[in-house]
Amino acid sequence: MNETTRTLTFAGIAVAALIAAFVTVRTSQPTALTGYENVGEEFYPDFTDPTQAKSLRVVSYNEDSATLKVFNVEFKDGVWKIPSHHDYPADAEDELAETAASLVGVVRGALESRRKSDHERFGVIDPLDESNTNLKGRGQRLTLSKEGGAPLVDFIVGKQVPDEPNEYFVRKVDEDSVYRTKLNVDLSSNFSDWIEPDLLKVDRDRLVEIIVNKYSIDERQRRIVNRELATLTRKNSTAPWELEGLNKETEKLN
């Protein structure tokens, strides 16, 4: 081997050693962690005015019956109404105002996971996600929107953190990262919890007509079923009630 060949061989070995050392250093460095930079930051920093909220949607999933329940309350014509029940007036105005206010400034707590595969464990699978076949681990989706439908906040609220009151596993609907989050929100998707149960909070002596519209709601198909309509009238507060369509000869009103 002549001098030139020997020199080139040594140079090649040196270059290969440098490349190997560089690769070793690069591969031994820890992978940059993402998501931690958001800890302590608000989920929705632009949402500062709770009066912007003009609609509330609560989506819950029952694992035992494998059924989905979607409940909406919207502000229409100056009052809160329930669209799924033919715009029935909602009587929980204070609760709605408190809910909107409680979702202002919600902060990301400790980061629990950045992996979508962990969503079932924390109970934060989107209940509206039809592409996910898991029947367990679906959370409650809570959405506040402003006039026009643009969302102000859109959370998936999962399981409660063990031994931590008002602390839940939460994520934004468009993010995989799951955080411990303090929430003081207790929302029901039951129609009966949003209306005044005592429909007779009126002066009974002034009533001269009562229309009883008895029906059931098919919430999945959003339509009325088994409808029965009855009308009661009387001439004044001392007159007896009469049922429209009643055959007085063969039937009697109790």
C-alpha atoms as a PDB file:
ATOM      1  CA  MET A   1       0.000   0.000   0.000  1.00  0.00           C
ATOM      2  CA  ASN A   2       1.586   3.293  -1.073  1.00  0.00           C
ATOM      3  CA  GLU A   3       1.558   6.467   0.979  1.00  0.00           C
ATOM      4  CA  THR A   4      -1.352   8.072  -0.871  1.00  0.00           C
ATOM      5  CA  THR A   5      -3.581   5.030  -0.485  1.00  0.00           C
ATOM      6  CA  ARG A   6      -2.727   4.755   3.212  1.00  0.00           C
ATOM      7  CA  THR A   7      -3.576   8.416   3.771  1.00  0.00           C
ATOM      8  CA  LEU A   8      -6.945   8.112   2.026  1.00  0.00           C
ATOM      9  CA  THR A   9      -7.777   4.985   4.038  1.00  0.00           C
ATOM     10  CA  PHE A  10      -7.047   6.728   7.334  1.00  0.00           C
ATOM     11  CA  ALA A  11      -9.079   9.748   6.233  1.00  0.00           C
ATOM     12  CA  GLY A  12     -12.033   7.530   5.337  1.00  0.00           C
ATOM     13  CA  ILE A  13     -11.875   5.779   8.699  1.00  0.00           C
ATOM     14  CA  ALA A  14     -11.799   9.146  10.476  1.00  0.00           C
ATOM     15  CA  VAL A  15     -14.841  10.424   8.578  1.00  0.00           C
ATOM     16  CA  ALA A  16     -16.764   7.212   9.311  1.00  0.00           C
ATOM     17  CA  ALA A  17     -15.893   7.514  12.994  1.00  0.00           C
ATOM     18  CA  LEU A  18     -17.123  11.109  13.084  1.00  0.00           C
ATOM     19  CA  ILE A  19     -20.410  10.138  11.414  1.00  0.00           C
ATOM     20  CA  ALA A  20     -20.921   7.255  13.848  1.00  0.00           C
ATOM     21  CA  ALA A  21     -20.225   9.534  16.802  1.00  0.00           C
ATOM     22  CA  PHE A  22     -22.692  12.140  15.501  1.00  0.00           C
ATOM     23  CA  VAL A  23     -25.426   9.538  14.991  1.00  0.00           C
ATOM     24  CA  THR A  24     -24.817   8.130  18.481  1.00  0.00           C
ATOM     25  CA  VAL A  25     -25.141  11.574  20.071  1.00  0.00           C
ATOM     26  CA  ARG A  26     -28.298  12.388  18.121  1.00  0.00           C
ATOM     27  CA  THR A  27     -30.033   9.094  18.921  1.00  0.00           C
ATOM     28  CA  SER A  28     -29.086   9.231  22.593  1.00  0.00           C
ATOM     29  CA  GLN A  29     -30.638  12.661  23.091  1.00  0.00           C
ATOM     30  CA  PRO A  30     -34.110  12.595  24.736  1.00  0.00           C
ATOM     31  CA  THR A  31     -37.098  13.189  22.468  1.00  0.00           C
ATOM     32  CA  ALA A  32     -38.528  16.668  22.835  1.00  0.00           C
ATOM     33  CA  LEU A  33     -41.711  16.513  24.903  1.00  0.00           C
ATOM     34  CA  THR A  34     -44.742  18.424  23.700  1.00  0.00           C
ATOM     35  CA  GLY A  35     -47.824  19.482  25.581  1.00  0.00           C
ATOM     36  CA  TYR A  36     -46.074  20.444  28.796  1.00  0.00           C
ATOM     37  CA  GLU A  37     -45.618  23.990  27.560  1.00  0.00           C
ATOM     38  CA  ASN A  38     -49.402  24.445  27.804  1.00  0.00           C
ATOM     39  CA  VAL A  39     -49.682  23.465  31.471  1.00  0.00           C
ATOM     40  CA  GLY A  40     -51.046  26.413  33.435  1.00  0.00           C
ATOM     41  CA  GLU A  41     -52.480  28.029  30.309  1.00  0.00           C
ATOM     42  CA  GLU A  42     -56.190  28.564  29.678  1.00  0.00           C
ATOM     43  CA  PHE A  43     -57.942  26.188  27.294  1.00  0.00           C
ATOM     44  CA  TYR A  44     -59.836  29.066  25.677  1.00  0.00           C
ATOM     45  CA  PRO A  45     -58.096  32.368  26.482  1.00  0.00           C
ATOM     46  CA  ASP A  46     -60.311  34.289  24.038  1.00  0.00           C
ATOM     47  CA  PHE A  47     -63.474  33.393  25.963  1.00  0.00           C
ATOM     48  CA  THR A  48     -63.725  36.157  28.553  1.00  0.00           C
ATOM     49  CA  ASP A  49     -67.352  37.302  28.369  1.00  0.00           C
ATOM     50  CA  PRO A  50     -69.941  34.722  29.531  1.00  0.00           C
ATOM     51  CA  THR A  51     -72.784  36.808  28.102  1.00  0.00           C
ATOM     52  CA  GLN A  52     -71.553  35.799  24.627  1.00  0.00           C
ATOM     53  CA  ALA A  53     -72.926  32.301  25.216  1.00  0.00           C
ATOM     54  CA  LYS A  54     -76.188  31.850  23.313  1.00  0.00           C
ATOM     55  CA  SER A  55     -76.411  28.064  23.249  1.00  0.00           C
ATOM     56  CA  LEU A  56     -75.395  25.152  25.437  1.00  0.00           C
ATOM     57  CA  ARG A  57     -75.096  21.534  24.351  1.00  0.00           C
ATOM     58  CA  VAL A  58     -74.558  18.603  26.695  1.00  0.00           C
ATOM     59  CA  VAL A  59     -73.826  15.196  25.156  1.00  0.00           C
ATOM     60  CA  SER A  60     -73.674  12.196  27.465  1.00  0.00           C
ATOM     61  CA  TYR A  61     -73.287   8.468  26.917  1.00  0.00           C
ATOM     62  CA  ASN A  62     -74.741   5.673  29.035  1.00  0.00           C
ATOM     63  CA  GLU A  63     -72.388   2.686  29.000  1.00  0.00           C
ATOM     64  CA  ASP A  64     -74.940   0.305  30.545  1.00  0.00           C
ATOM     65  CA  SER A  65     -77.551   0.863  27.840  1.00  0.00           C
ATOM     66  CA  ALA A  66     -75.112   1.971  25.106  1.00  0.00           C
ATOM     67  CA  THR A  67     -77.288   4.991  24.391  1.00  0.00           C
ATOM     68  CA  LEU A  68     -76.416   8.561  23.504  1.00  0.00           C
ATOM     69  CA  LYS A  69     -78.269  11.582  24.852  1.00  0.00           C
ATOM     70  CA  VAL A  70     -77.930  15.007  23.232  1.00  0.00           C
ATOM     71  CA  PHE A  71     -79.468  17.970  25.033  1.00  0.00           C
ATOM     72  CA  ASN A  72     -79.547  21.560  23.736  1.00  0.00           C
ATOM     73  CA  VAL A  73     -80.577  24.863  25.256  1.00  0.00           C
ATOM     74  CA  GLU A  74     -80.613  27.963  23.036  1.00  0.00           C
ATOM     75  CA  PHE A  75     -81.336  31.649  23.536  1.00  0.00           C
ATOM     76  CA  LYS A  76     -84.124  32.592  21.112  1.00  0.00           C
ATOM     77  CA  ASP A  77     -86.408  35.618  20.986  1.00  0.00           C
ATOM     78  CA  GLY A  78     -85.164  36.875  24.329  1.00  0.00           C
ATOM     79  CA  VAL A  79     -85.637  33.621  26.276  1.00  0.00           C
ATOM     80  CA  TRP A  80     -83.822  30.306  26.732  1.00  0.00           C
ATOM     81  CA  LYS A  81     -85.557  27.436  24.933  1.00  0.00           C
ATOM     82  CA  ILE A  82     -85.070  23.696  24.463  1.00  0.00           C
ATOM     83  CA  PRO A  83     -85.038  22.961  20.684  1.00  0.00           C
ATOM     84  CA  SER A  84     -85.233  19.183  21.103  1.00  0.00           C
ATOM     85  CA  HIS A  85     -88.575  19.642  22.887  1.00  0.00           C
ATOM     86  CA  HIS A  86     -90.190  22.032  20.407  1.00  0.00           C
ATOM     87  CA  ASP A  87     -88.627  25.179  21.887  1.00  0.00           C
ATOM     88  CA  TYR A  88     -90.065  24.542  25.343  1.00  0.00           C
ATOM     89  CA  PRO A  89     -89.017  27.435  27.626  1.00  0.00           C
ATOM     90  CA  ALA A  90     -86.127  26.606  29.943  1.00  0.00           C
ATOM     91  CA  ASP A  91     -86.533  27.910  33.493  1.00  0.00           C
ATOM     92  CA  ALA A  92     -82.960  27.435  34.722  1.00  0.00           C
ATOM     93  CA  GLU A  93     -81.652  30.857  33.691  1.00  0.00           C
ATOM     94  CA  ASP A  94     -79.493  31.256  36.799  1.00  0.00           C
ATOM     95  CA  GLU A  95     -77.891  27.868  36.224  1.00  0.00           C
ATOM     96  CA  LEU A  96     -77.171  28.734  32.597  1.00  0.00           C
ATOM     97  CA  ALA A  97     -75.533  32.010  33.585  1.00  0.00           C
ATOM     98  CA  GLU A  98     -73.454  30.288  36.263  1.00  0.00           C
ATOM     99  CA  THR A  99     -72.389  27.574  33.824  1.00  0.00           C
ATOM    100  CA  ALA A 100     -71.169  30.084  31.250  1.00  0.00           C
ATOM    101  CA  ALA A 101     -69.315  32.065  33.915  1.00  0.00           C
ATOM    102  CA  SER A 102     -67.693  28.934  35.374  1.00  0.00           C
ATOM    103  CA  LEU A 103     -66.209  28.015  31.993  1.00  0.00           C
ATOM    104  CA  VAL A 104     -64.382  31.324  31.625  1.00  0.00           C
ATOM    105  CA  GLY A 105     -60.678  30.962  32.370  1.00  0.00           C
ATOM    106  CA  VAL A 106     -60.583  27.171  32.765  1.00  0.00           C
ATOM    107  CA  VAL A 107     -56.894  26.275  33.114  1.00  0.00           C
ATOM    108  CA  ARG A 108     -54.952  23.217  31.960  1.00  0.00           C
ATOM    109  CA  GLY A 109     -53.643  21.433  35.039  1.00  0.00           C
ATOM    110  CA  ALA A 110     -51.086  18.620  35.081  1.00  0.00           C
ATOM    111  CA  LEU A 111     -50.606  16.854  31.750  1.00  0.00           C
ATOM    112  CA  GLU A 112     -51.689  13.220  32.108  1.00  0.00           C
ATOM    113  CA  SER A 113     -51.249  11.924  28.568  1.00  0.00           C
ATOM    114  CA  ARG A 114     -50.561  12.979  25.000  1.00  0.00           C
ATOM    115  CA  ARG A 115     -51.718   9.695  23.456  1.00  0.00           C
ATOM    116  CA  LYS A 116     -55.092   9.083  21.880  1.00  0.00           C
ATOM    117  CA  SER A 117     -54.840   5.454  22.972  1.00  0.00           C
ATOM    118  CA  ASP A 118     -55.213   6.624  26.597  1.00  0.00           C
ATOM    119  CA  HIS A 119     -58.564   8.321  26.037  1.00  0.00           C
ATOM    120  CA  GLU A 120     -60.562   5.274  27.128  1.00  0.00           C
ATOM    121  CA  ARG A 121     -58.623   5.018  30.396  1.00  0.00           C
ATOM    122  CA  PHE A 122     -59.350   8.641  31.288  1.00  0.00           C
ATOM    123  CA  GLY A 123     -62.924   8.552  29.973  1.00  0.00           C
ATOM    124  CA  VAL A 124     -62.419  11.291  27.389  1.00  0.00           C
ATOM    125  CA  ILE A 125     -63.508   9.583  24.168  1.00  0.00           C
ATOM    126  CA  ASP A 126     -65.797  11.944  22.262  1.00  0.00           C
ATOM    127  CA  PRO A 127     -69.343  10.572  22.709  1.00  0.00           C
ATOM    128  CA  LEU A 128     -70.134  11.815  19.191  1.00  0.00           C
ATOM    129  CA  ASP A 129     -67.174  10.014  17.603  1.00  0.00           C
ATOM    130  CA  GLU A 130     -68.806   7.333  15.451  1.00  0.00           C
ATOM    131  CA  SER A 131     -65.439   6.158  14.108  1.00  0.00           C
ATOM    132  CA  ASN A 132     -64.451   4.923  17.581  1.00  0.00           C
ATOM    133  CA  THR A 133     -66.076   1.572  18.346  1.00  0.00           C
ATOM    134  CA  ASN A 134     -65.264   1.573  22.072  1.00  0.00           C
ATOM    135  CA  LEU A 135     -68.411   1.427  24.181  1.00  0.00           C
ATOM    136  CA  LYS A 136     -66.499   2.333  27.330  1.00  0.00           C
ATOM    137  CA  GLY A 137     -64.493   5.416  28.167  1.00  0.00           C
ATOM    138  CA  ARG A 138     -66.772   7.951  26.503  1.00  0.00           C
ATOM    139  CA  GLY A 139     -66.945  11.267  28.296  1.00  0.00           C
ATOM    140  CA  GLN A 140     -69.438  14.090  28.499  1.00  0.00           C
ATOM    141  CA  ARG A 141     -69.093  16.666  25.747  1.00  0.00           C
ATOM    142  CA  LEU A 142     -69.829  20.212  26.820  1.00  0.00           C
ATOM    143  CA  THR A 143     -70.140  22.950  24.205  1.00  0.00           C
ATOM    144  CA  LEU A 144     -70.927  26.632  24.629  1.00  0.00           C
ATOM    145  CA  SER A 145     -71.523  28.576  21.424  1.00  0.00           C
ATOM    146  CA  LYS A 146     -72.098  32.196  20.588  1.00  0.00           C
ATOM    147  CA  GLU A 147     -74.760  33.622  18.317  1.00  0.00           C
ATOM    148  CA  GLY A 148     -74.340  32.073  14.892  1.00  0.00           C
ATOM    149  CA  GLY A 149     -73.110  28.745  16.258  1.00  0.00           C
ATOM    150  CA  ALA A 150     -69.356  29.344  16.533  1.00  0.00           C
ATOM    151  CA  PRO A 151     -68.073  27.463  19.615  1.00  0.00           C
ATOM    152  CA  LEU A 152     -66.728  29.416  22.578  1.00  0.00           C
ATOM    153  CA  VAL A 153     -65.641  26.288  24.461  1.00  0.00           C
ATOM    154  CA  ASP A 154     -65.817  22.628  23.472  1.00  0.00           C
ATOM    155  CA  PHE A 155     -64.651  20.174  26.148  1.00  0.00           C
ATOM    156  CA  ILE A 156     -64.659  16.438  26.655  1.00  0.00           C
ATOM    157  CA  VAL A 157     -65.033  15.936  30.409  1.00  0.00           C
ATOM    158  CA  GLY A 158     -63.902  12.508  31.554  1.00  0.00           C
ATOM    159  CA  LYS A 159     -63.545  10.678  34.839  1.00  0.00           C
ATOM    160  CA  GLN A 160     -63.093  12.469  38.135  1.00  0.00           C
ATOM    161  CA  VAL A 161     -59.542  12.517  39.460  1.00  0.00           C
ATOM    162  CA  PRO A 162     -59.412  10.124  42.450  1.00  0.00           C
ATOM    163  CA  ASP A 163     -59.620  11.874  45.837  1.00  0.00           C
ATOM    164  CA  GLU A 164     -59.725  15.307  44.182  1.00  0.00           C
ATOM    165  CA  PRO A 165     -63.099  17.111  44.444  1.00  0.00           C
ATOM    166  CA  ASN A 166     -64.080  19.158  41.372  1.00  0.00           C
ATOM    167  CA  GLU A 167     -61.058  17.885  39.443  1.00  0.00           C
ATOM    168  CA  TYR A 168     -61.529  15.925  36.223  1.00  0.00           C
ATOM    169  CA  PHE A 169     -59.592  14.569  33.267  1.00  0.00           C
ATOM    170  CA  VAL A 170     -60.379  16.988  30.442  1.00  0.00           C
ATOM    171  CA  ARG A 171     -59.319  17.642  26.874  1.00  0.00           C
ATOM    172  CA  LYS A 172     -60.287  19.946  24.052  1.00  0.00           C
ATOM    173  CA  VAL A 173     -62.322  18.157  21.433  1.00  0.00           C
ATOM    174  CA  ASP A 174     -59.673  18.841  18.765  1.00  0.00           C
ATOM    175  CA  GLU A 175     -56.661  17.796  20.891  1.00  0.00           C
ATOM    176  CA  ASP A 176     -55.364  14.434  22.100  1.00  0.00           C
ATOM    177  CA  SER A 177     -53.629  15.767  25.231  1.00  0.00           C
ATOM    178  CA  VAL A 178     -55.456  15.062  28.499  1.00  0.00           C
ATOM    179  CA  TYR A 179     -55.090  17.345  31.521  1.00  0.00           C
ATOM    180  CA  ARG A 180     -56.189  17.372  35.105  1.00  0.00           C
ATOM    181  CA  THR A 181     -58.602  20.276  35.299  1.00  0.00           C
ATOM    182  CA  LYS A 182     -60.633  21.920  38.036  1.00  0.00           C
ATOM    183  CA  LEU A 183     -64.274  22.261  37.011  1.00  0.00           C
ATOM    184  CA  ASN A 184     -67.200  23.373  39.106  1.00  0.00           C
ATOM    185  CA  VAL A 185     -69.905  22.369  36.647  1.00  0.00           C
ATOM    186  CA  ASP A 186     -72.787  19.977  37.263  1.00  0.00           C
ATOM    187  CA  LEU A 187     -74.901  19.735  34.131  1.00  0.00           C
ATOM    188  CA  SER A 188     -77.861  17.495  33.503  1.00  0.00           C
ATOM    189  CA  SER A 189     -79.092  16.301  30.129  1.00  0.00           C
ATOM    190  CA  ASN A 190     -82.533  15.484  31.548  1.00  0.00           C
ATOM    191  CA  PHE A 191     -85.387  17.628  30.242  1.00  0.00           C
ATOM    192  CA  SER A 192     -87.111  17.668  33.649  1.00  0.00           C
ATOM    193  CA  ASP A 193     -84.120  19.377  35.269  1.00  0.00           C
ATOM    194  CA  TRP A 194     -84.418  22.413  33.006  1.00  0.00           C
ATOM    195  CA  ILE A 195     -88.100  23.279  33.393  1.00  0.00           C
ATOM    196  CA  GLU A 196     -90.418  24.450  36.151  1.00  0.00           C
ATOM    197  CA  PRO A 197     -92.043  21.248  37.467  1.00  0.00           C
ATOM    198  CA  ASP A 198     -94.950  23.068  39.124  1.00  0.00           C
ATOM    199  CA  LEU A 199     -97.010  24.184  36.150  1.00  0.00           C
ATOM    200  CA  LEU A 200     -99.749  25.545  38.423  1.00  0.00           C
ATOM    201  CA  LYS A 201     -97.812  28.453  39.890  1.00  0.00           C
ATOM    202  CA  VAL A 202    -100.643  30.735  38.789  1.00  0.00           C
ATOM    203  CA  ASP A 203    -103.824  32.139  40.305  1.00  0.00           C
ATOM    204  CA  ARG A 204    -106.135  29.157  39.824  1.00  0.00           C
ATOM    205  CA  ASP A 205    -109.281  31.272  40.137  1.00  0.00           C
ATOM    206  CA  ARG A 206    -108.318  33.112  36.957  1.00  0.00           C
ATOM    207  CA  LEU A 207    -108.043  29.967  34.845  1.00  0.00           C
ATOM    208  CA  VAL A 208    -110.864  29.422  32.356  1.00  0.00           C
ATOM    209  CA  GLU A 209    -109.086  27.147  29.871  1.00  0.00           C
ATOM    210  CA  ILE A 210    -106.524  24.363  30.215  1.00  0.00           C
ATOM    211  CA  ILE A 211    -105.030  22.548  27.239  1.00  0.00           C
ATOM    212  CA  VAL A 212    -103.324  19.266  28.115  1.00  0.00           C
ATOM    213  CA  ASN A 213    -100.904  18.226  25.392  1.00  0.00           C
ATOM    214  CA  LYS A 214     -99.746  14.768  26.422  1.00  0.00           C
ATOM    215  CA  TYR A 215     -96.986  13.235  24.329  1.00  0.00           C
ATOM    216  CA  SER A 216     -93.633  11.507  24.395  1.00  0.00           C
ATOM    217  CA  ILE A 217     -90.423  12.601  22.705  1.00  0.00           C
ATOM    218  CA  ASP A 218     -88.336  10.237  20.618  1.00  0.00           C
ATOM    219  CA  GLU A 219     -85.026  11.976  21.353  1.00  0.00           C
ATOM    220  CA  ARG A 220     -83.049   9.897  18.888  1.00  0.00           C
ATOM    221  CA  GLN A 221     -85.338  10.810  15.952  1.00  0.00           C
ATOM    222  CA  ARG A 222     -86.372  14.169  17.460  1.00  0.00           C
ATOM    223  CA  ARG A 223     -90.079  13.745  16.876  1.00  0.00           C
ATOM    224  CA  ILE A 224     -93.310  13.596  18.876  1.00  0.00           C
ATOM    225  CA  VAL A 225     -94.933  10.203  19.459  1.00  0.00           C
ATOM    226  CA  ASN A 226     -98.119   9.020  21.237  1.00  0.00           C
ATOM    227  CA  ARG A 227     -99.748  12.445  21.220  1.00  0.00           C
ATOM    228  CA  GLU A 228    -103.048  13.073  23.059  1.00  0.00           C
ATOM    229  CA  LEU A 229    -104.712  16.506  23.233  1.00  0.00           C
ATOM    230  CA  ALA A 230    -107.386  17.441  25.788  1.00  0.00           C
ATOM    231  CA  THR A 231    -109.052  20.846  26.304  1.00  0.00           C
ATOM    232  CA  LEU A 232    -110.819  21.849  29.521  1.00  0.00           C
ATOM    233  CA  THR A 233    -112.925  25.028  29.693  1.00  0.00           C
ATOM    234  CA  ARG A 234    -115.255  26.822  32.096  1.00  0.00           C
ATOM    235  CA  LYS A 235    -117.220  30.065  31.902  1.00  0.00           C
ATOM    236  CA  ASN A 236    -115.875  31.556  35.123  1.00  0.00           C
ATOM    237  CA  SER A 237    -114.067  30.659  38.363  1.00  0.00           C
ATOM    238  CA  THR A 238    -117.202  29.172  39.964  1.00  0.00           C
ATOM    239  CA  ALA A 239    -118.466  27.216  36.942  1.00  0.00           C
ATOM    240  CA  PRO A 240    -117.661  23.510  36.528  1.00  0.00           C
ATOM    241  CA  TRP A 241    -114.969  22.358  34.127  1.00  0.00           C
ATOM    242  CA  GLU A 242    -116.057  20.847  30.817  1.00  0.00           C
ATOM    243  CA  LEU A 243    -113.973  18.537  28.643  1.00  0.00           C
ATOM    244  CA  GLU A 244    -114.111  19.221  24.924  1.00  0.00           C
ATOM    245  CA  GLY A 245    -115.488  16.231  23.021  1.00  0.00           C
ATOM    246  CA  LEU A 246    -116.980  14.589  26.111  1.00  0.00           C
ATOM    247  CA  ASN A 247    -120.328  12.845  25.611  1.00  0.00           C
ATOM    248  CA  LYS A 248    -122.277  14.080  28.642  1.00  0.00           C
ATOM    249  CA  GLU A 249    -124.889  11.344  28.290  1.00  0.00           C
ATOM    250  CA  THR A 250    -122.479   8.419  28.484  1.00  0.00           C
ATOM    251  CA  GLU A 251    -119.313   9.919  30.009  1.00  0.00           C
ATOM    252  CA  LYS A 252    -118.511  11.858  33.138  1.00  0.00           C
ATOM    253  CA  LEU A 253    -115.630  14.196  34.000  1.00  0.00           C
ATOM    254  CA  ASN A 254    -114.040  13.377  37.367  1.00  0.00           C
END
